N, C-alpha and C. Protein backbone atom coordinates (compact mmCIF):
# COMPACT_ATOMS: atom_id res chain seq x y z
N UNK A 1 73.01 34.41 -40.83
CA UNK A 1 73.18 34.24 -39.40
C UNK A 1 71.94 34.70 -38.65
N UNK A 2 71.47 35.89 -39.06
CA UNK A 2 70.25 36.41 -38.45
C UNK A 2 69.07 35.48 -38.70
N UNK A 3 69.06 34.90 -39.91
CA UNK A 3 67.97 33.98 -40.26
C UNK A 3 68.01 32.75 -39.37
N UNK A 4 69.23 32.26 -39.06
CA UNK A 4 69.38 31.08 -38.22
C UNK A 4 68.90 31.37 -36.81
N UNK A 5 69.27 32.57 -36.27
CA UNK A 5 68.80 32.96 -34.94
C UNK A 5 67.27 33.08 -34.91
N UNK A 6 66.74 33.62 -35.99
CA UNK A 6 65.28 33.78 -36.07
C UNK A 6 64.57 32.43 -36.02
N UNK A 7 65.11 31.47 -36.78
CA UNK A 7 64.49 30.13 -36.80
C UNK A 7 64.57 29.48 -35.43
N UNK A 8 65.72 29.63 -34.75
CA UNK A 8 65.85 29.04 -33.42
C UNK A 8 64.86 29.68 -32.44
N UNK A 9 64.75 31.01 -32.51
CA UNK A 9 63.81 31.71 -31.63
C UNK A 9 62.37 31.29 -31.92
N UNK A 10 62.07 31.15 -33.20
CA UNK A 10 60.71 30.73 -33.60
C UNK A 10 60.38 29.33 -33.08
N UNK A 11 61.37 28.42 -33.26
CA UNK A 11 61.16 27.05 -32.79
C UNK A 11 60.95 27.01 -31.28
N UNK A 12 61.78 27.81 -30.55
CA UNK A 12 61.66 27.83 -29.09
C UNK A 12 60.30 28.39 -28.68
N UNK A 13 59.90 29.49 -29.34
CA UNK A 13 58.60 30.10 -29.02
C UNK A 13 57.46 29.13 -29.33
N UNK A 14 57.56 28.45 -30.48
CA UNK A 14 56.53 27.48 -30.87
C UNK A 14 56.44 26.34 -29.86
N UNK A 15 57.61 25.87 -29.42
CA UNK A 15 57.63 24.78 -28.45
C UNK A 15 56.97 25.19 -27.14
N UNK A 16 57.33 26.40 -26.67
CA UNK A 16 56.73 26.90 -25.42
C UNK A 16 55.22 27.06 -25.57
N UNK A 17 54.81 27.64 -26.72
CA UNK A 17 53.38 27.81 -26.99
C UNK A 17 52.65 26.46 -27.00
N UNK A 18 53.29 25.47 -27.66
CA UNK A 18 52.71 24.13 -27.75
C UNK A 18 52.55 23.51 -26.36
N UNK A 19 53.59 23.65 -25.53
CA UNK A 19 53.54 23.08 -24.17
C UNK A 19 52.43 23.73 -23.36
N UNK A 20 52.35 25.08 -23.41
CA UNK A 20 51.32 25.77 -22.65
C UNK A 20 49.91 25.42 -23.14
N UNK A 21 49.80 25.26 -24.47
CA UNK A 21 48.50 24.87 -25.04
C UNK A 21 48.06 23.51 -24.54
N UNK A 22 49.00 22.54 -24.53
CA UNK A 22 48.68 21.20 -24.05
C UNK A 22 48.29 21.20 -22.57
N UNK A 23 49.03 22.01 -21.79
CA UNK A 23 48.71 22.11 -20.36
C UNK A 23 47.31 22.69 -20.16
N UNK A 24 47.01 23.76 -20.92
CA UNK A 24 45.70 24.40 -20.80
C UNK A 24 44.57 23.45 -21.19
N UNK A 25 44.78 22.71 -22.28
CA UNK A 25 43.77 21.73 -22.72
C UNK A 25 43.56 20.66 -21.67
N UNK A 26 44.67 20.17 -21.10
CA UNK A 26 44.58 19.13 -20.07
C UNK A 26 43.84 19.61 -18.84
N UNK A 27 44.16 20.83 -18.38
CA UNK A 27 43.49 21.38 -17.20
C UNK A 27 42.00 21.56 -17.46
N UNK A 28 41.66 22.10 -18.64
CA UNK A 28 40.26 22.31 -18.99
C UNK A 28 39.49 21.00 -19.05
N UNK A 29 40.12 19.96 -19.63
CA UNK A 29 39.47 18.65 -19.72
C UNK A 29 39.22 18.08 -18.33
N UNK A 30 40.20 18.26 -17.43
CA UNK A 30 40.04 17.75 -16.07
C UNK A 30 38.91 18.46 -15.34
N UNK A 31 38.85 19.80 -15.53
CA UNK A 31 37.78 20.57 -14.88
C UNK A 31 36.42 20.17 -15.43
N UNK A 32 36.35 19.95 -16.74
CA UNK A 32 35.09 19.52 -17.35
C UNK A 32 34.65 18.17 -16.81
N UNK A 33 35.60 17.26 -16.69
CA UNK A 33 35.29 15.92 -16.16
C UNK A 33 34.81 16.01 -14.73
N UNK A 34 35.51 16.84 -13.93
CA UNK A 34 35.09 17.01 -12.54
C UNK A 34 33.72 17.66 -12.45
N UNK A 35 33.47 18.63 -13.36
CA UNK A 35 32.17 19.28 -13.36
C UNK A 35 31.06 18.31 -13.71
N UNK A 36 31.30 17.48 -14.74
CA UNK A 36 30.31 16.47 -15.12
C UNK A 36 30.07 15.48 -13.99
N UNK A 37 31.16 15.09 -13.33
CA UNK A 37 31.04 14.13 -12.24
C UNK A 37 30.23 14.73 -11.10
N UNK A 38 30.47 16.02 -10.82
CA UNK A 38 29.73 16.68 -9.75
C UNK A 38 28.25 16.76 -10.10
N UNK A 39 27.95 17.08 -11.38
CA UNK A 39 26.56 17.15 -11.80
C UNK A 39 25.89 15.79 -11.70
N UNK A 40 26.61 14.74 -12.10
CA UNK A 40 26.06 13.39 -12.01
C UNK A 40 25.82 13.00 -10.55
N UNK A 41 26.78 13.36 -9.69
CA UNK A 41 26.62 13.05 -8.27
C UNK A 41 25.43 13.79 -7.68
N UNK A 42 25.27 15.06 -8.08
CA UNK A 42 24.14 15.83 -7.59
C UNK A 42 22.82 15.23 -8.05
N UNK A 43 22.77 14.84 -9.34
CA UNK A 43 21.55 14.22 -9.87
C UNK A 43 21.25 12.91 -9.14
N UNK A 44 22.30 12.11 -8.92
CA UNK A 44 22.13 10.83 -8.23
C UNK A 44 21.63 11.05 -6.81
N UNK A 45 22.23 12.03 -6.11
CA UNK A 45 21.82 12.31 -4.74
C UNK A 45 20.38 12.81 -4.69
N UNK A 46 20.01 13.63 -5.68
CA UNK A 46 18.64 14.14 -5.73
C UNK A 46 17.65 13.02 -5.97
N UNK A 47 17.99 12.12 -6.91
CA UNK A 47 17.11 10.98 -7.19
C UNK A 47 17.01 10.07 -5.99
N UNK A 48 18.14 9.85 -5.31
CA UNK A 48 18.13 8.98 -4.14
C UNK A 48 17.27 9.57 -3.03
N UNK A 49 17.38 10.88 -2.82
CA UNK A 49 16.57 11.54 -1.79
C UNK A 49 15.09 11.46 -2.14
N UNK A 50 14.78 11.64 -3.45
CA UNK A 50 13.39 11.56 -3.88
C UNK A 50 12.83 10.16 -3.68
N UNK A 51 13.63 9.14 -4.03
CA UNK A 51 13.20 7.76 -3.86
C UNK A 51 12.97 7.43 -2.40
N UNK A 52 13.83 7.96 -1.52
CA UNK A 52 13.64 7.70 -0.10
C UNK A 52 12.36 8.34 0.40
N UNK A 53 12.08 9.58 -0.08
CA UNK A 53 10.87 10.27 0.36
C UNK A 53 9.62 9.60 -0.19
N UNK A 54 9.75 8.98 -1.37
CA UNK A 54 8.61 8.32 -1.99
C UNK A 54 8.71 6.80 -1.84
N UNK A 55 9.35 6.34 -0.81
CA UNK A 55 9.55 4.91 -0.62
C UNK A 55 8.21 4.18 -0.54
N UNK A 56 8.11 3.10 -1.26
CA UNK A 56 6.88 2.31 -1.31
C UNK A 56 6.67 1.58 0.00
N UNK A 57 5.58 1.88 0.68
CA UNK A 57 5.26 1.25 1.96
C UNK A 57 4.29 0.10 1.71
N UNK A 58 4.69 -1.09 2.10
CA UNK A 58 3.94 -2.30 1.77
C UNK A 58 2.86 -2.65 2.80
N UNK A 59 2.96 -2.13 4.01
CA UNK A 59 2.05 -2.51 5.08
C UNK A 59 1.10 -1.38 5.43
N UNK A 60 -0.13 -1.77 5.80
CA UNK A 60 -1.11 -0.78 6.24
C UNK A 60 -1.99 -1.37 7.34
N UNK A 61 -2.03 -0.69 8.48
CA UNK A 61 -2.92 -1.03 9.58
C UNK A 61 -4.01 0.03 9.66
N UNK A 62 -5.26 -0.40 9.94
CA UNK A 62 -6.35 0.57 9.96
C UNK A 62 -7.42 0.18 10.97
N UNK A 63 -8.12 1.20 11.46
CA UNK A 63 -9.28 1.04 12.34
C UNK A 63 -10.53 1.49 11.60
N UNK A 64 -11.64 0.80 11.85
CA UNK A 64 -12.90 1.08 11.16
C UNK A 64 -13.98 1.39 12.18
N UNK A 65 -14.82 2.37 11.87
CA UNK A 65 -15.98 2.71 12.69
C UNK A 65 -17.13 3.05 11.76
N UNK A 66 -18.26 2.31 11.90
CA UNK A 66 -19.35 2.56 10.98
C UNK A 66 -20.65 1.91 11.39
N UNK A 67 -21.57 1.84 10.42
CA UNK A 67 -22.89 1.24 10.63
C UNK A 67 -23.20 0.27 9.50
N UNK A 68 -23.93 -0.78 9.85
CA UNK A 68 -24.40 -1.76 8.85
C UNK A 68 -25.91 -1.65 8.70
N UNK A 69 -26.35 -1.71 7.47
CA UNK A 69 -27.78 -1.69 7.14
C UNK A 69 -28.19 -3.11 6.79
N UNK A 70 -29.20 -3.64 7.51
CA UNK A 70 -29.63 -5.03 7.32
C UNK A 70 -31.11 -5.03 6.92
N UNK A 71 -31.41 -5.23 5.63
CA UNK A 71 -32.81 -5.19 5.17
C UNK A 71 -33.68 -6.31 5.74
N UNK A 72 -33.08 -7.47 6.08
CA UNK A 72 -33.87 -8.61 6.54
C UNK A 72 -33.98 -8.72 8.06
N UNK A 73 -33.85 -7.57 8.73
CA UNK A 73 -33.97 -7.58 10.18
C UNK A 73 -35.40 -7.82 10.64
N UNK A 74 -35.54 -8.12 11.93
CA UNK A 74 -36.86 -8.35 12.52
C UNK A 74 -37.03 -7.48 13.76
N UNK A 75 -38.25 -6.99 13.94
CA UNK A 75 -38.57 -6.27 15.16
C UNK A 75 -38.63 -7.27 16.31
N UNK A 76 -37.90 -7.00 17.38
CA UNK A 76 -37.81 -7.95 18.49
C UNK A 76 -39.15 -8.11 19.22
N UNK A 77 -39.98 -7.09 19.21
CA UNK A 77 -41.25 -7.16 19.92
C UNK A 77 -42.35 -7.82 19.09
N UNK A 78 -42.47 -7.43 17.82
CA UNK A 78 -43.57 -7.93 16.99
C UNK A 78 -43.16 -9.09 16.09
N UNK A 79 -41.85 -9.22 15.81
CA UNK A 79 -41.39 -10.27 14.91
C UNK A 79 -41.57 -9.92 13.45
N UNK A 80 -42.06 -8.72 13.18
CA UNK A 80 -42.26 -8.30 11.80
C UNK A 80 -40.92 -7.89 11.16
N UNK A 81 -40.87 -8.08 9.85
CA UNK A 81 -39.65 -7.75 9.12
C UNK A 81 -39.45 -6.24 9.08
N UNK A 82 -38.23 -5.81 9.35
CA UNK A 82 -37.91 -4.39 9.29
C UNK A 82 -36.42 -4.21 9.01
N UNK A 83 -36.09 -3.08 8.44
CA UNK A 83 -34.68 -2.75 8.22
C UNK A 83 -34.08 -2.26 9.52
N UNK A 84 -32.91 -2.79 9.86
CA UNK A 84 -32.25 -2.37 11.09
C UNK A 84 -30.84 -1.84 10.79
N UNK A 85 -30.37 -0.98 11.66
CA UNK A 85 -29.03 -0.41 11.54
C UNK A 85 -28.21 -0.84 12.75
N UNK A 86 -27.04 -1.39 12.47
CA UNK A 86 -26.21 -1.99 13.51
C UNK A 86 -24.84 -1.30 13.55
N UNK A 87 -24.43 -0.76 14.71
CA UNK A 87 -23.09 -0.16 14.81
C UNK A 87 -22.01 -1.24 14.82
N UNK A 88 -20.87 -0.93 14.22
CA UNK A 88 -19.77 -1.90 14.19
C UNK A 88 -18.43 -1.18 14.26
N UNK A 89 -17.46 -1.88 14.84
CA UNK A 89 -16.08 -1.40 14.88
C UNK A 89 -15.19 -2.52 14.37
N UNK A 90 -14.02 -2.17 13.87
CA UNK A 90 -13.15 -3.23 13.35
C UNK A 90 -11.75 -2.74 13.07
N UNK A 91 -10.95 -3.65 12.56
CA UNK A 91 -9.58 -3.30 12.16
C UNK A 91 -9.22 -4.12 10.93
N UNK A 92 -8.20 -3.67 10.23
CA UNK A 92 -7.74 -4.39 9.04
C UNK A 92 -6.22 -4.28 8.92
N UNK A 93 -5.66 -5.24 8.21
CA UNK A 93 -4.23 -5.20 7.89
C UNK A 93 -4.08 -5.59 6.43
N UNK A 94 -3.29 -4.80 5.70
CA UNK A 94 -3.04 -5.08 4.28
C UNK A 94 -1.55 -5.18 4.02
N UNK A 95 -1.19 -6.10 3.13
CA UNK A 95 0.19 -6.21 2.65
C UNK A 95 0.15 -6.08 1.13
N UNK A 96 0.91 -5.11 0.60
CA UNK A 96 0.90 -4.82 -0.83
C UNK A 96 2.11 -5.45 -1.51
N UNK A 97 1.83 -6.33 -2.48
CA UNK A 97 2.90 -6.97 -3.26
C UNK A 97 3.49 -5.98 -4.26
N UNK A 98 2.61 -5.19 -4.87
CA UNK A 98 3.01 -4.14 -5.81
C UNK A 98 2.21 -2.89 -5.46
N UNK A 99 2.38 -1.83 -6.24
CA UNK A 99 1.63 -0.61 -5.98
C UNK A 99 0.16 -0.76 -6.37
N UNK A 100 -0.20 -1.84 -7.06
CA UNK A 100 -1.58 -2.06 -7.50
C UNK A 100 -2.28 -3.20 -6.76
N UNK A 101 -1.53 -4.23 -6.36
CA UNK A 101 -2.14 -5.44 -5.81
C UNK A 101 -1.65 -5.72 -4.39
N UNK A 102 -2.59 -6.18 -3.56
CA UNK A 102 -2.24 -6.56 -2.20
C UNK A 102 -3.22 -7.59 -1.67
N UNK A 103 -3.00 -8.00 -0.44
CA UNK A 103 -3.89 -8.93 0.25
C UNK A 103 -4.12 -8.39 1.65
N UNK A 104 -5.30 -8.65 2.20
CA UNK A 104 -5.59 -8.09 3.52
C UNK A 104 -6.54 -8.95 4.32
N UNK A 105 -6.58 -8.66 5.61
CA UNK A 105 -7.56 -9.28 6.50
C UNK A 105 -8.45 -8.17 7.05
N UNK A 106 -9.76 -8.39 7.01
CA UNK A 106 -10.74 -7.37 7.38
C UNK A 106 -11.67 -7.95 8.43
N UNK A 107 -11.66 -7.35 9.60
CA UNK A 107 -12.35 -7.93 10.75
C UNK A 107 -13.16 -6.86 11.47
N UNK A 108 -14.41 -7.17 11.80
CA UNK A 108 -15.21 -6.22 12.57
C UNK A 108 -16.21 -6.96 13.44
N UNK A 109 -16.70 -6.27 14.45
CA UNK A 109 -17.67 -6.84 15.37
C UNK A 109 -18.88 -5.92 15.44
N UNK A 110 -20.08 -6.52 15.37
CA UNK A 110 -21.33 -5.77 15.49
C UNK A 110 -21.70 -5.73 16.97
N UNK A 111 -21.67 -4.55 17.55
CA UNK A 111 -21.82 -4.43 19.01
C UNK A 111 -23.30 -4.25 19.39
N UNK A 112 -24.10 -5.26 19.03
CA UNK A 112 -25.52 -5.22 19.35
C UNK A 112 -26.12 -6.62 19.14
N UNK A 113 -27.28 -6.83 19.71
CA UNK A 113 -28.02 -8.08 19.53
C UNK A 113 -29.23 -7.81 18.63
N UNK A 114 -29.44 -8.68 17.64
CA UNK A 114 -30.56 -8.48 16.73
C UNK A 114 -31.00 -9.81 16.14
N UNK A 115 -32.16 -9.78 15.47
CA UNK A 115 -32.69 -10.98 14.81
C UNK A 115 -32.89 -10.68 13.33
N UNK A 116 -32.70 -11.73 12.52
CA UNK A 116 -32.93 -11.61 11.08
C UNK A 116 -33.80 -12.77 10.62
N UNK A 117 -34.44 -12.54 9.49
CA UNK A 117 -35.27 -13.57 8.87
C UNK A 117 -34.43 -14.34 7.86
N UNK A 118 -34.43 -15.66 7.97
CA UNK A 118 -33.66 -16.48 7.03
C UNK A 118 -34.29 -16.44 5.65
N UNK A 119 -33.46 -16.46 4.63
CA UNK A 119 -33.93 -16.36 3.24
C UNK A 119 -34.88 -17.48 2.85
N UNK A 120 -34.42 -18.71 3.06
CA UNK A 120 -35.14 -19.86 2.51
C UNK A 120 -35.87 -20.68 3.57
N UNK A 121 -36.03 -20.14 4.76
CA UNK A 121 -36.70 -20.88 5.81
C UNK A 121 -37.67 -19.97 6.55
N UNK A 122 -38.74 -20.55 7.05
CA UNK A 122 -39.70 -19.79 7.83
C UNK A 122 -39.23 -19.78 9.28
N UNK A 123 -38.10 -19.12 9.47
CA UNK A 123 -37.47 -19.12 10.79
C UNK A 123 -36.67 -17.85 10.96
N UNK A 124 -36.25 -17.62 12.20
CA UNK A 124 -35.44 -16.44 12.49
C UNK A 124 -34.07 -16.87 13.02
N UNK A 125 -33.13 -15.98 12.86
CA UNK A 125 -31.77 -16.24 13.32
C UNK A 125 -31.35 -15.09 14.22
N UNK A 126 -30.90 -15.43 15.40
CA UNK A 126 -30.47 -14.40 16.35
C UNK A 126 -28.96 -14.22 16.27
N UNK A 127 -28.54 -12.96 16.20
CA UNK A 127 -27.11 -12.64 16.17
C UNK A 127 -26.79 -11.73 17.35
N UNK A 128 -25.69 -12.04 18.03
CA UNK A 128 -25.30 -11.25 19.20
C UNK A 128 -23.79 -11.02 19.18
N UNK A 129 -23.40 -9.76 19.04
CA UNK A 129 -21.99 -9.39 18.97
C UNK A 129 -21.23 -10.26 17.97
N UNK A 130 -21.78 -10.38 16.78
CA UNK A 130 -21.19 -11.24 15.75
C UNK A 130 -19.84 -10.67 15.29
N UNK A 131 -18.87 -11.57 15.18
CA UNK A 131 -17.52 -11.20 14.75
C UNK A 131 -17.29 -11.69 13.33
N UNK A 132 -16.99 -10.77 12.42
CA UNK A 132 -16.70 -11.12 11.03
C UNK A 132 -15.20 -11.14 10.80
N UNK A 133 -14.72 -12.26 10.25
CA UNK A 133 -13.30 -12.41 9.91
C UNK A 133 -13.20 -12.73 8.42
N UNK A 134 -12.59 -11.85 7.66
CA UNK A 134 -12.51 -12.05 6.21
C UNK A 134 -11.09 -11.80 5.71
N UNK A 135 -10.75 -12.51 4.64
CA UNK A 135 -9.48 -12.32 3.94
C UNK A 135 -9.81 -12.02 2.49
N UNK A 136 -9.12 -11.05 1.90
CA UNK A 136 -9.44 -10.70 0.53
C UNK A 136 -8.28 -10.09 -0.24
N UNK A 137 -8.45 -10.06 -1.55
CA UNK A 137 -7.49 -9.39 -2.43
C UNK A 137 -7.90 -7.93 -2.55
N UNK A 138 -6.92 -7.04 -2.59
CA UNK A 138 -7.20 -5.61 -2.72
C UNK A 138 -6.48 -5.07 -3.96
N UNK A 139 -7.19 -4.24 -4.71
CA UNK A 139 -6.66 -3.69 -5.96
C UNK A 139 -6.88 -2.18 -5.99
N UNK A 140 -5.85 -1.43 -6.37
CA UNK A 140 -5.98 0.02 -6.50
C UNK A 140 -6.50 0.36 -7.90
N UNK A 141 -7.77 0.76 -7.97
CA UNK A 141 -8.39 1.10 -9.25
C UNK A 141 -7.79 2.39 -9.81
N UNK A 142 -7.76 3.40 -8.96
CA UNK A 142 -7.17 4.70 -9.27
C UNK A 142 -6.44 5.17 -8.02
N UNK A 143 -5.56 6.16 -8.14
CA UNK A 143 -4.93 6.68 -6.93
C UNK A 143 -5.97 7.05 -5.88
N UNK A 144 -5.81 6.54 -4.66
CA UNK A 144 -6.68 6.78 -3.50
C UNK A 144 -7.96 5.93 -3.51
N UNK A 145 -8.20 5.16 -4.57
CA UNK A 145 -9.44 4.38 -4.66
C UNK A 145 -9.11 2.91 -4.81
N UNK A 146 -9.57 2.08 -3.86
CA UNK A 146 -9.28 0.65 -3.89
C UNK A 146 -10.57 -0.18 -3.86
N UNK A 147 -10.45 -1.40 -4.35
CA UNK A 147 -11.55 -2.37 -4.32
C UNK A 147 -11.05 -3.65 -3.64
N UNK A 148 -11.94 -4.29 -2.89
CA UNK A 148 -11.60 -5.48 -2.10
C UNK A 148 -12.61 -6.58 -2.38
N UNK A 149 -12.14 -7.81 -2.53
CA UNK A 149 -13.02 -8.96 -2.71
C UNK A 149 -12.44 -10.15 -1.97
N UNK A 150 -13.29 -10.83 -1.19
CA UNK A 150 -12.79 -11.97 -0.43
C UNK A 150 -13.92 -12.70 0.28
N UNK A 151 -13.57 -13.46 1.28
CA UNK A 151 -14.55 -14.23 2.03
C UNK A 151 -14.02 -14.61 3.39
N UNK A 152 -14.91 -15.20 4.19
CA UNK A 152 -14.50 -15.59 5.53
C UNK A 152 -15.66 -16.16 6.33
N UNK A 153 -15.66 -15.86 7.63
CA UNK A 153 -16.67 -16.40 8.54
C UNK A 153 -17.26 -15.29 9.40
N UNK A 154 -18.55 -15.45 9.71
CA UNK A 154 -19.24 -14.56 10.64
C UNK A 154 -19.60 -15.41 11.86
N UNK A 155 -19.04 -15.08 13.02
CA UNK A 155 -19.09 -15.97 14.18
C UNK A 155 -19.82 -15.30 15.34
N UNK A 156 -20.75 -16.04 15.95
CA UNK A 156 -21.29 -15.67 17.25
C UNK A 156 -21.68 -16.94 18.00
N UNK A 157 -22.26 -16.81 19.18
CA UNK A 157 -22.52 -17.99 20.02
C UNK A 157 -23.64 -18.88 19.48
N UNK A 158 -24.44 -18.35 18.53
CA UNK A 158 -25.57 -19.12 18.02
C UNK A 158 -25.22 -19.94 16.78
N UNK A 159 -24.51 -19.32 15.83
CA UNK A 159 -24.20 -20.03 14.58
C UNK A 159 -23.06 -19.33 13.85
N UNK A 160 -22.21 -20.13 13.21
CA UNK A 160 -21.13 -19.60 12.38
C UNK A 160 -21.55 -19.66 10.92
N UNK A 161 -21.46 -18.52 10.23
CA UNK A 161 -21.93 -18.43 8.85
C UNK A 161 -20.77 -18.09 7.92
N UNK A 162 -20.79 -18.66 6.70
CA UNK A 162 -19.81 -18.24 5.69
C UNK A 162 -20.21 -16.88 5.14
N UNK A 163 -19.24 -16.08 4.77
CA UNK A 163 -19.57 -14.75 4.22
C UNK A 163 -18.80 -14.49 2.93
N UNK A 164 -19.43 -13.72 2.06
CA UNK A 164 -18.78 -13.14 0.89
C UNK A 164 -18.58 -11.66 1.18
N UNK A 165 -17.36 -11.17 1.05
CA UNK A 165 -17.04 -9.79 1.43
C UNK A 165 -16.59 -9.00 0.20
N UNK A 166 -17.31 -7.93 -0.12
CA UNK A 166 -16.95 -7.01 -1.19
C UNK A 166 -16.93 -5.60 -0.61
N UNK A 167 -15.91 -4.83 -0.95
CA UNK A 167 -15.80 -3.49 -0.37
C UNK A 167 -15.02 -2.56 -1.29
N UNK A 168 -15.17 -1.28 -1.02
CA UNK A 168 -14.38 -0.26 -1.70
C UNK A 168 -14.06 0.85 -0.72
N UNK A 169 -12.88 1.45 -0.88
CA UNK A 169 -12.45 2.54 0.00
C UNK A 169 -11.90 3.68 -0.85
N UNK A 170 -12.15 4.90 -0.37
CA UNK A 170 -11.60 6.08 -1.05
C UNK A 170 -10.99 7.01 -0.01
N UNK A 171 -9.73 7.40 -0.24
CA UNK A 171 -9.02 8.26 0.70
C UNK A 171 -9.51 9.70 0.54
N UNK A 172 -10.01 10.29 1.64
CA UNK A 172 -10.50 11.67 1.58
C UNK A 172 -9.51 12.65 2.21
N UNK A 173 -8.66 12.16 3.11
CA UNK A 173 -7.61 12.98 3.71
C UNK A 173 -6.33 12.16 3.80
N UNK A 174 -5.20 12.80 3.52
CA UNK A 174 -3.92 12.08 3.53
C UNK A 174 -2.82 13.02 4.00
N UNK A 175 -2.01 12.54 4.96
CA UNK A 175 -0.88 13.32 5.45
C UNK A 175 0.22 12.36 5.87
N UNK A 176 1.41 12.57 5.30
CA UNK A 176 2.54 11.67 5.56
C UNK A 176 2.11 10.25 5.23
N UNK A 177 2.16 9.35 6.21
CA UNK A 177 1.79 7.95 5.98
C UNK A 177 0.41 7.63 6.54
N UNK A 178 -0.33 8.65 6.95
CA UNK A 178 -1.65 8.45 7.56
C UNK A 178 -2.75 8.79 6.56
N UNK A 179 -3.85 8.02 6.64
CA UNK A 179 -4.96 8.21 5.70
C UNK A 179 -6.30 8.14 6.44
N UNK A 180 -7.24 8.94 5.99
CA UNK A 180 -8.62 8.84 6.43
C UNK A 180 -9.46 8.55 5.20
N UNK A 181 -10.17 7.41 5.24
CA UNK A 181 -10.92 6.96 4.06
C UNK A 181 -12.38 6.77 4.41
N UNK A 182 -13.22 6.82 3.39
CA UNK A 182 -14.61 6.42 3.54
C UNK A 182 -14.76 5.04 2.91
N UNK A 183 -15.51 4.16 3.58
CA UNK A 183 -15.61 2.76 3.15
C UNK A 183 -17.06 2.37 2.93
N UNK A 184 -17.30 1.63 1.84
CA UNK A 184 -18.59 1.01 1.57
C UNK A 184 -18.35 -0.49 1.39
N UNK A 185 -19.20 -1.31 2.00
CA UNK A 185 -19.00 -2.76 1.85
C UNK A 185 -20.33 -3.50 1.79
N UNK A 186 -20.26 -4.68 1.17
CA UNK A 186 -21.39 -5.60 1.08
C UNK A 186 -20.94 -6.96 1.59
N UNK A 187 -21.76 -7.55 2.47
CA UNK A 187 -21.48 -8.90 2.97
C UNK A 187 -22.71 -9.78 2.79
N UNK A 188 -22.51 -10.90 2.15
CA UNK A 188 -23.56 -11.92 2.09
C UNK A 188 -23.25 -12.95 3.16
N UNK A 189 -24.17 -13.11 4.13
CA UNK A 189 -23.96 -14.00 5.27
C UNK A 189 -24.93 -15.18 5.22
N UNK A 190 -24.89 -15.89 4.12
CA UNK A 190 -25.68 -17.10 3.89
C UNK A 190 -27.18 -16.83 3.87
N UNK A 191 -27.76 -16.41 4.99
CA UNK A 191 -29.20 -16.20 5.08
C UNK A 191 -29.62 -14.76 4.83
N UNK A 192 -28.70 -13.85 4.94
CA UNK A 192 -29.07 -12.43 4.83
C UNK A 192 -27.89 -11.60 4.34
N UNK A 193 -28.20 -10.35 3.96
CA UNK A 193 -27.19 -9.43 3.43
C UNK A 193 -27.02 -8.24 4.36
N UNK A 194 -25.81 -7.68 4.37
CA UNK A 194 -25.57 -6.43 5.09
C UNK A 194 -24.83 -5.46 4.18
N UNK A 195 -25.15 -4.18 4.34
CA UNK A 195 -24.48 -3.10 3.62
C UNK A 195 -23.91 -2.14 4.66
N UNK A 196 -22.64 -1.83 4.54
CA UNK A 196 -21.98 -1.02 5.58
C UNK A 196 -21.35 0.23 5.00
N UNK A 197 -21.33 1.26 5.82
CA UNK A 197 -20.62 2.50 5.50
C UNK A 197 -19.89 2.96 6.75
N UNK A 198 -18.71 3.51 6.57
CA UNK A 198 -17.96 3.95 7.74
C UNK A 198 -16.69 4.67 7.36
N UNK A 199 -15.94 5.06 8.39
CA UNK A 199 -14.67 5.74 8.22
C UNK A 199 -13.53 4.81 8.60
N UNK A 200 -12.45 4.89 7.85
CA UNK A 200 -11.27 4.05 8.09
C UNK A 200 -10.07 4.97 8.32
N UNK A 201 -9.42 4.80 9.47
CA UNK A 201 -8.21 5.56 9.76
C UNK A 201 -7.03 4.61 9.70
N UNK A 202 -6.13 4.83 8.75
CA UNK A 202 -5.04 3.88 8.54
C UNK A 202 -3.67 4.53 8.53
N UNK A 203 -2.66 3.70 8.74
CA UNK A 203 -1.27 4.14 8.70
C UNK A 203 -0.46 3.15 7.89
N UNK A 204 0.32 3.67 6.93
CA UNK A 204 1.20 2.84 6.11
C UNK A 204 2.61 2.84 6.69
N UNK A 205 3.28 1.70 6.56
CA UNK A 205 4.66 1.61 7.04
C UNK A 205 5.42 0.55 6.26
């Protein structure tokens, strides 16, 4: 009789233990799942915030201020060949298809009147406030360093010339979406060449 009571008590205790064990396992599994979900949500939110802060900006507007060096210039008084320096201002717009490749328009005006000697003719060409309009491909060689190649027209009241435009820019200061770069460029303007150096202040958006 005592043995029968013992077995019943054992079975009841075992059943209660089993039930509590299952409940504990279930609660622990739920907490683990919730914990994992919270960690995943935190990771996702962190990645999303990082992506937003590092969002790829495809557009860039910039202003240019610099000087052009023209080896084939002429002295206005004597007509003798001399190197001249011409101040210029301009603006550019770039659209980036990827983080490496883009296309842009590069435009500047030489705010002075000067004369140059034509390459293949015994003649001179007068330029006055010439406006250069160029379109080119832009490639990021390294972070902060880009190269540009393209062509366009150099326009003034005397003659419109085709131009070959090659340039490179390097960012020397950067804050938020604003950049200050140093620019070097070469332009072949049919009869003569120009070499330019200047500063570019740009904003990405």
